Amino acid sequence: MQHREEALDASWDDLKLFLACAKYKSFRNAAEELGLTSTTLMRRVDRLEERIGCKLFLRDQSGLTLSDEGTAMIADVAHMERHAFNIFRRASRSSNDTSGTVRVAVTEGPGNFWILPRLIDFQKTYRKITVDLRCAMKQADVARLESDIAIQLEPPTNPDLIVAKLGRLHIYPFVSKEYETLYGVPATLAELKNHRIIKQSAPQVDDGAYARVLGLNSLEGIVGIKTNSSVGVLYAVERGAGIGFLPTVSIALGASLVAVDLGVSHHADLWLTYHREFRTSERHKVVVDWLKKIFDARTYPCFRDEFIHPNALVPMMTAAREGFGLAGYVAATPT
């Protein structure tokens, strides 16, 4: 009887830690994500295992592997978590549905340079809705309440989520005009060895895309600056640090850059996702419809599936540049 009482007393917080360890397959990685020390996390998992009377993980130098008992338990705990999150989602939409906060997670570049300028006009129209815009390269887990709505570079597979393609982000190499004057630009991929690349290395960014797009086995000796920030890439390129891969719309929005025509480009699709529970929430529907509108490729050709050269986008994006261009950003006007 005592053992059964202890098992029933297992903390829901400890069960959530069990899920995190199963996800990251490492005490260290899970602890970093949770903001705990590895020692604290291990102690709490030990306590959970003691209370339920079985080992949940096989532990070795390579990390954590679910035991048979852990594998049998994970689906039930994940099911408990989904129900708990649904309770919070229903509560968040229940009172005065036309007002309140909507949390939107988005990658750094589109968030800072595309959504934020338009958000100023949005809040003038919808004064009772607060959009909590979170710009980061780390993908937010909408199903686990890390955000209400997310715009990300990889489509989620969770069946509880509604997913819609917003558009396509095309990426192209650029340099500053000062860089072109001082060093010229490579006319072929073979000439890249005489230049330096500003490389973004961050979650959701395909780290091998640079070498693959450029047809190189390695970028060793070519990368001059590596940063996790897309805003940092723009700033470094504008300051003449080297060649950077940026959205094709950069020049059309007012950045003082020169497109480098190497015969290569890259693209990534933008996916909008939110939980099915928010379909009946009026304020969430307002924000979702607004996001779809400001990424509509019929109005903004830069989001079309087909590639359009950065110079050709300039006359096509005049209205966007006049109303929401890069003027005023520190990185866009270095001194």
Protein backbone atom coordinates (compact mmCIF):
# COMPACT_ATOMS: atom_id res chain seq x y z
CA MET A 1 0.00 0.00 0.00
CA GLN A 2 2.83 2.39 0.84
CA HIS A 3 4.46 1.89 -2.56
CA ARG A 4 1.16 2.61 -4.34
CA GLU A 5 0.67 5.83 -2.36
CA GLU A 6 4.18 7.00 -3.26
CA ALA A 7 3.56 6.28 -6.94
CA LEU A 8 0.31 8.25 -6.87
CA ASP A 9 2.23 11.09 -5.23
CA ALA A 10 4.57 11.37 -8.22
CA SER A 11 4.89 15.05 -9.12
CA TRP A 12 3.47 16.26 -12.43
CA ASP A 13 6.51 18.56 -12.63
CA ASP A 14 8.76 15.49 -12.43
CA LEU A 15 6.73 13.79 -15.16
CA LYS A 16 7.31 16.83 -17.37
CA LEU A 17 11.04 16.53 -16.68
CA PHE A 18 10.81 12.89 -17.77
CA LEU A 19 9.31 14.05 -21.09
CA ALA A 20 12.11 16.59 -21.59
CA CYS A 21 14.80 13.99 -20.93
CA ALA A 22 13.14 11.62 -23.39
CA LYS A 23 13.03 14.40 -26.00
CA TYR A 24 16.63 15.59 -25.67
CA LYS A 25 18.16 12.17 -24.79
CA SER A 26 20.62 13.89 -22.48
CA PHE A 27 20.49 15.26 -18.94
CA ARG A 28 22.76 18.12 -19.94
CA ASN A 29 20.73 19.19 -22.98
CA ALA A 30 17.41 18.82 -21.18
CA ALA A 31 18.73 20.75 -18.18
CA GLU A 32 19.89 23.63 -20.42
CA GLU A 33 16.45 23.79 -22.03
CA LEU A 34 14.68 23.71 -18.68
CA GLY A 35 16.97 26.17 -16.92
CA LEU A 36 18.08 23.61 -14.32
CA THR A 37 21.43 22.14 -13.38
CA SER A 38 22.17 18.61 -14.57
CA THR A 39 22.55 17.51 -10.96
CA THR A 40 19.09 18.79 -10.03
CA LEU A 41 17.52 17.16 -13.06
CA MET A 42 19.18 13.80 -12.39
CA ARG A 43 18.11 13.91 -8.75
CA ARG A 44 14.48 14.56 -9.67
CA VAL A 45 14.44 11.78 -12.27
CA ASP A 46 15.96 9.45 -9.67
CA ARG A 47 13.16 10.44 -7.28
CA LEU A 48 10.52 9.76 -9.94
CA GLU A 49 12.01 6.34 -10.72
CA GLU A 50 12.06 5.50 -7.01
CA ARG A 51 8.42 6.48 -6.58
CA ILE A 52 7.11 4.47 -9.52
CA GLY A 53 9.43 1.55 -8.80
CA CYS A 54 11.22 1.17 -12.13
CA LYS A 55 14.03 2.59 -14.23
CA LEU A 56 12.84 4.91 -16.98
CA PHE A 57 16.16 5.39 -18.78
CA LEU A 58 19.22 3.38 -19.67
CA ARG A 59 22.18 5.68 -19.04
CA ASP A 60 25.56 5.50 -20.72
CA GLN A 61 28.19 7.83 -22.16
CA SER A 62 26.18 8.34 -25.37
CA GLY A 63 23.22 9.74 -23.43
CA LEU A 64 19.79 8.52 -22.39
CA THR A 65 17.72 5.73 -23.92
CA LEU A 66 14.20 4.91 -22.79
CA SER A 67 13.90 1.61 -20.95
CA ASP A 68 11.04 -0.75 -21.76
CA GLU A 69 9.14 0.71 -18.80
CA GLY A 70 9.91 4.26 -19.95
CA THR A 71 8.76 3.47 -23.48
CA ALA A 72 5.50 2.05 -22.13
CA MET A 73 4.96 5.15 -19.99
CA ILE A 74 5.86 7.95 -22.39
CA ALA A 75 2.67 7.87 -24.47
CA ASP A 76 0.49 8.15 -21.35
CA VAL A 77 2.51 11.06 -19.93
CA ALA A 78 2.49 12.86 -23.29
CA HIS A 79 -1.30 12.33 -23.40
CA MET A 80 -1.59 13.86 -19.91
CA GLU A 81 0.47 16.83 -21.08
CA ARG A 82 -1.72 17.42 -24.15
CA HIS A 83 -4.84 17.47 -21.99
CA ALA A 84 -3.21 19.87 -19.53
CA PHE A 85 -2.24 22.23 -22.35
CA ASN A 86 -5.77 22.09 -23.76
CA ILE A 87 -7.12 23.25 -20.40
CA PHE A 88 -4.80 26.28 -20.44
CA ARG A 89 -5.64 27.03 -24.09
CA ARG A 90 -9.37 27.02 -23.36
CA ALA A 91 -8.82 29.27 -20.37
CA SER A 92 -6.75 31.71 -22.42
CA ARG A 93 -9.54 32.23 -24.95
CA SER A 94 -12.49 32.18 -22.57
CA SER A 95 -12.75 35.74 -21.25
CA ASN A 96 -13.58 38.64 -23.58
CA ASP A 97 -12.43 36.81 -26.67
CA THR A 98 -11.98 39.95 -28.77
CA SER A 99 -9.27 41.29 -26.45
CA GLY A 100 -6.15 39.95 -24.78
CA THR A 101 -2.67 38.78 -25.70
CA VAL A 102 -1.66 36.65 -28.67
CA ARG A 103 1.89 35.28 -28.60
CA VAL A 104 3.56 35.04 -32.02
CA ALA A 105 6.92 33.32 -32.46
CA VAL A 106 8.85 33.93 -35.68
CA THR A 107 12.38 33.68 -37.02
CA GLU A 108 14.48 36.76 -36.47
CA GLY A 109 14.67 38.34 -39.94
CA PRO A 110 10.97 38.22 -40.94
CA GLY A 111 10.02 39.14 -37.38
CA ASN A 112 12.19 42.23 -37.06
CA PHE A 113 12.14 43.53 -40.64
CA TRP A 114 8.74 42.46 -41.96
CA ILE A 115 6.21 41.83 -39.17
CA LEU A 116 7.29 44.45 -36.63
CA PRO A 117 6.91 47.52 -38.92
CA ARG A 118 3.40 46.37 -39.84
CA LEU A 119 2.54 45.55 -36.25
CA ILE A 120 2.56 49.27 -35.48
CA ASP A 121 -0.40 49.83 -37.79
CA PHE A 122 -2.10 46.64 -36.57
CA GLN A 123 -2.16 47.82 -32.97
CA LYS A 124 -3.70 51.13 -34.02
CA THR A 125 -6.63 49.21 -35.53
CA TYR A 126 -6.94 46.45 -32.93
CA ARG A 127 -6.21 48.32 -29.75
CA LYS A 128 -7.60 45.60 -27.46
CA ILE A 129 -5.31 42.91 -28.87
CA THR A 130 -1.73 42.77 -27.63
CA VAL A 131 0.63 40.89 -29.96
CA ASP A 132 3.57 39.48 -28.02
CA LEU A 133 6.11 39.14 -30.85
CA ARG A 134 9.01 36.84 -30.09
CA CYS A 135 11.77 36.92 -32.69
CA ALA A 136 14.24 34.06 -32.33
CA MET A 137 15.77 31.37 -34.48
CA LYS A 138 14.87 28.62 -32.00
CA GLN A 139 11.62 27.01 -33.10
CA ALA A 140 8.77 27.49 -30.62
CA ASP A 141 6.69 24.42 -29.81
CA VAL A 142 3.11 25.58 -30.28
CA ALA A 143 1.69 22.28 -29.07
CA ARG A 144 3.49 22.74 -25.73
CA LEU A 145 2.27 26.33 -25.21
CA GLU A 146 5.62 27.95 -25.97
CA SER A 147 3.66 30.24 -28.31
CA ASP A 148 0.09 30.61 -29.59
CA ILE A 149 1.10 31.06 -33.24
CA ALA A 150 4.43 30.31 -34.89
CA ILE A 151 6.00 31.16 -38.23
CA GLN A 152 8.80 28.72 -38.89
CA LEU A 153 11.00 27.26 -41.60
CA GLU A 154 9.98 23.63 -41.02
CA PRO A 155 6.37 22.41 -41.10
CA PRO A 156 5.30 20.69 -37.85
CA THR A 157 3.92 17.16 -37.95
CA ASN A 158 1.74 17.25 -34.83
CA PRO A 159 -1.84 16.42 -35.94
CA ASP A 160 -3.26 18.80 -33.29
CA LEU A 161 -1.82 21.77 -35.18
CA ILE A 162 -3.21 23.68 -38.14
CA VAL A 163 -0.50 24.39 -40.70
CA ALA A 164 -0.55 26.78 -43.66
CA LYS A 165 2.22 27.80 -46.03
CA LEU A 166 2.68 31.58 -45.86
CA GLY A 167 5.15 31.99 -48.69
CA ARG A 168 8.71 31.33 -49.76
CA LEU A 169 11.75 33.21 -48.51
CA HIS A 170 14.38 33.51 -51.24
CA ILE A 171 18.00 34.02 -50.21
CA TYR A 172 20.74 35.61 -52.35
CA PRO A 173 24.35 36.75 -51.87
CA PHE A 174 24.97 40.48 -51.30
CA VAL A 175 27.84 42.85 -50.53
CA SER A 176 27.94 46.50 -49.60
CA LYS A 177 28.70 49.10 -52.26
CA GLU A 178 31.88 50.00 -50.37
CA TYR A 179 32.98 46.37 -50.44
CA GLU A 180 32.39 46.20 -54.19
CA THR A 181 34.47 49.34 -54.68
CA LEU A 182 37.37 48.10 -52.55
CA TYR A 183 37.49 44.40 -53.39
CA GLY A 184 35.19 43.83 -56.35
CA VAL A 185 32.80 40.89 -56.41
CA PRO A 186 33.44 37.30 -57.49
CA ALA A 187 32.22 36.59 -60.99
CA THR A 188 32.40 32.81 -60.51
CA LEU A 189 32.23 30.40 -57.62
CA ALA A 190 35.93 29.65 -58.11
CA GLU A 191 36.74 33.27 -57.19
CA LEU A 192 35.09 32.95 -53.79
CA LYS A 193 38.38 31.86 -52.21
CA ASN A 194 39.55 35.47 -52.55
CA HIS A 195 36.59 36.76 -50.50
CA ARG A 196 35.03 36.22 -47.10
CA ILE A 197 31.53 34.98 -46.29
CA ILE A 198 29.35 36.13 -43.40
CA LYS A 199 27.67 32.90 -42.28
CA GLN A 200 24.58 32.49 -40.14
CA SER A 201 24.65 29.42 -37.91
CA ALA A 202 21.45 28.97 -35.95
CA PRO A 203 18.48 26.65 -35.32
CA GLN A 204 16.23 26.17 -38.39
CA VAL A 205 19.13 27.23 -40.65
CA ASP A 206 20.48 24.37 -42.75
CA ASP A 207 24.15 24.51 -41.77
CA GLY A 208 25.21 22.57 -44.84
CA ALA A 209 23.25 24.76 -47.27
CA TYR A 210 26.07 27.27 -47.74
CA ALA A 211 28.60 24.74 -49.01
CA ARG A 212 25.95 22.83 -50.96
CA VAL A 213 24.56 25.91 -52.73
CA LEU A 214 28.08 27.10 -53.52
CA GLY A 215 29.14 23.67 -54.76
CA LEU A 216 31.99 23.45 -52.26
CA ASN A 217 33.12 20.57 -50.05
CA SER A 218 34.13 22.92 -47.27
CA LEU A 219 33.91 26.59 -46.30
CA GLU A 220 37.23 26.46 -44.45
CA GLY A 221 39.23 29.63 -45.06
CA ILE A 222 36.25 31.43 -46.60
CA VAL A 223 34.03 32.22 -43.60
CA GLY A 224 35.11 35.51 -42.04
CA ILE A 225 32.35 35.95 -39.46
CA LYS A 226 29.89 33.40 -38.10
CA THR A 227 26.84 34.59 -36.17
CA ASN A 228 23.52 33.16 -35.01
CA SER A 229 21.75 36.44 -35.85
CA SER A 230 20.22 37.30 -39.22
CA VAL A 231 20.18 40.93 -38.12
CA GLY A 232 23.90 40.55 -37.41
CA VAL A 233 24.50 39.23 -40.92
CA LEU A 234 22.78 42.27 -42.42
CA TYR A 235 24.80 44.64 -40.26
CA ALA A 236 28.12 42.93 -41.04
CA VAL A 237 27.43 42.92 -44.78
CA GLU A 238 26.46 46.60 -44.77
CA ARG A 239 29.66 47.40 -42.90
CA GLY A 240 31.71 45.75 -45.64
CA ALA A 241 32.76 42.62 -43.75
CA GLY A 242 32.12 40.29 -46.67
CA ILE A 243 29.50 38.46 -48.69
CA GLY A 244 26.28 37.57 -46.89
CA PHE A 245 23.21 35.60 -47.86
CA LEU A 246 20.10 37.70 -47.23
CA PRO A 247 16.48 37.78 -48.42
CA THR A 248 16.16 38.86 -52.06
CA VAL A 249 13.87 41.71 -50.96
CA SER A 250 16.69 43.46 -49.05
CA ILE A 251 17.52 45.99 -51.78
CA ALA A 252 13.85 46.61 -52.54
CA LEU A 253 13.29 47.52 -48.88
CA GLY A 254 16.09 50.08 -48.96
CA ALA A 255 19.26 48.30 -47.87
CA SER A 256 22.29 49.82 -49.61
CA LEU A 257 23.58 46.54 -51.04
CA VAL A 258 24.75 45.01 -54.31
CA ALA A 259 23.49 41.61 -55.46
CA VAL A 260 26.31 39.19 -56.27
CA ASP A 261 25.39 37.16 -59.33
CA LEU A 262 27.08 33.79 -58.91
CA GLY A 263 24.28 31.80 -60.48
CA VAL A 264 23.19 30.49 -57.08
CA SER A 265 20.27 31.15 -54.75
CA HIS A 266 18.56 29.39 -51.90
CA HIS A 267 15.02 29.34 -50.54
CA ALA A 268 13.08 28.27 -47.46
CA ASP A 269 9.33 28.02 -47.10
CA LEU A 270 7.59 29.92 -44.30
CA TRP A 271 4.98 27.92 -42.39
CA LEU A 272 2.29 29.37 -40.13
CA THR A 273 1.04 27.04 -37.41
CA TYR A 274 -1.32 27.23 -34.45
CA HIS A 275 -3.31 24.80 -32.31
CA ARG A 276 -6.79 23.68 -33.35
CA GLU A 277 -8.12 24.89 -30.00
CA PHE A 278 -7.63 28.48 -31.21
CA ARG A 279 -9.92 28.13 -34.22
CA THR A 280 -12.82 29.58 -32.23
CA SER A 281 -10.80 32.33 -30.55
CA GLU A 282 -11.70 35.64 -32.18
CA ARG A 283 -8.47 37.45 -31.38
CA HIS A 284 -6.36 34.54 -32.62
CA LYS A 285 -8.35 34.44 -35.86
CA VAL A 286 -7.77 38.18 -36.32
CA VAL A 287 -4.00 37.77 -35.92
CA VAL A 288 -3.84 34.69 -38.16
CA ASP A 289 -5.77 36.47 -40.94
CA TRP A 290 -3.55 39.53 -40.59
CA LEU A 291 -0.36 37.44 -40.84
CA LYS A 292 -1.64 35.69 -43.97
CA LYS A 293 -2.43 39.09 -45.49
CA ILE A 294 1.01 40.62 -44.90
CA PHE A 295 2.73 37.56 -46.41
CA ASP A 296 0.39 37.31 -49.42
CA ALA A 297 2.57 36.72 -52.49
CA ARG A 298 -0.04 38.37 -54.73
CA THR A 299 0.65 41.66 -52.96
CA TYR A 300 4.32 41.02 -52.11
CA PRO A 301 6.09 39.23 -55.01
CA CYS A 302 9.15 38.52 -52.86
CA PHE A 303 7.19 35.63 -51.29
CA ARG A 304 6.29 33.93 -54.58
CA ASP A 305 7.47 30.38 -55.13
CA GLU A 306 9.44 31.40 -58.22
CA PHE A 307 12.74 33.23 -57.83
CA ILE A 308 12.80 36.93 -58.77
CA HIS A 309 16.17 38.67 -58.99
CA PRO A 310 16.74 41.26 -56.21
CA ASN A 311 17.09 44.08 -58.73
CA ALA A 312 13.84 43.10 -60.45
CA LEU A 313 12.01 43.22 -57.12
CA VAL A 314 12.78 46.92 -56.60
CA PRO A 315 10.01 48.34 -58.84
CA MET A 316 7.65 45.56 -57.77
CA MET A 317 7.93 46.43 -54.06
CA THR A 318 7.68 50.24 -54.20
CA ALA A 319 4.67 50.47 -51.87
CA ALA A 320 6.26 48.12 -49.33
CA ARG A 321 9.47 50.14 -49.36
CA GLU A 322 7.72 53.48 -48.91
CA GLY A 323 5.56 52.30 -46.04
CA PHE A 324 7.67 49.67 -44.33
CA GLY A 325 11.22 49.88 -45.63
CA LEU A 326 14.49 49.53 -43.74
CA ALA A 327 14.92 53.28 -43.23
CA GLY A 328 15.47 54.01 -39.57
CA TYR A 329 17.10 50.71 -38.62
CA VAL A 330 20.55 51.08 -37.10
CA ALA A 331 21.96 48.25 -39.19
CA ALA A 332 20.56 49.77 -42.37
CA THR A 333 22.26 53.12 -41.85
CA PRO A 334 25.69 52.46 -40.30
CA THR A 335 27.80 55.50 -39.49
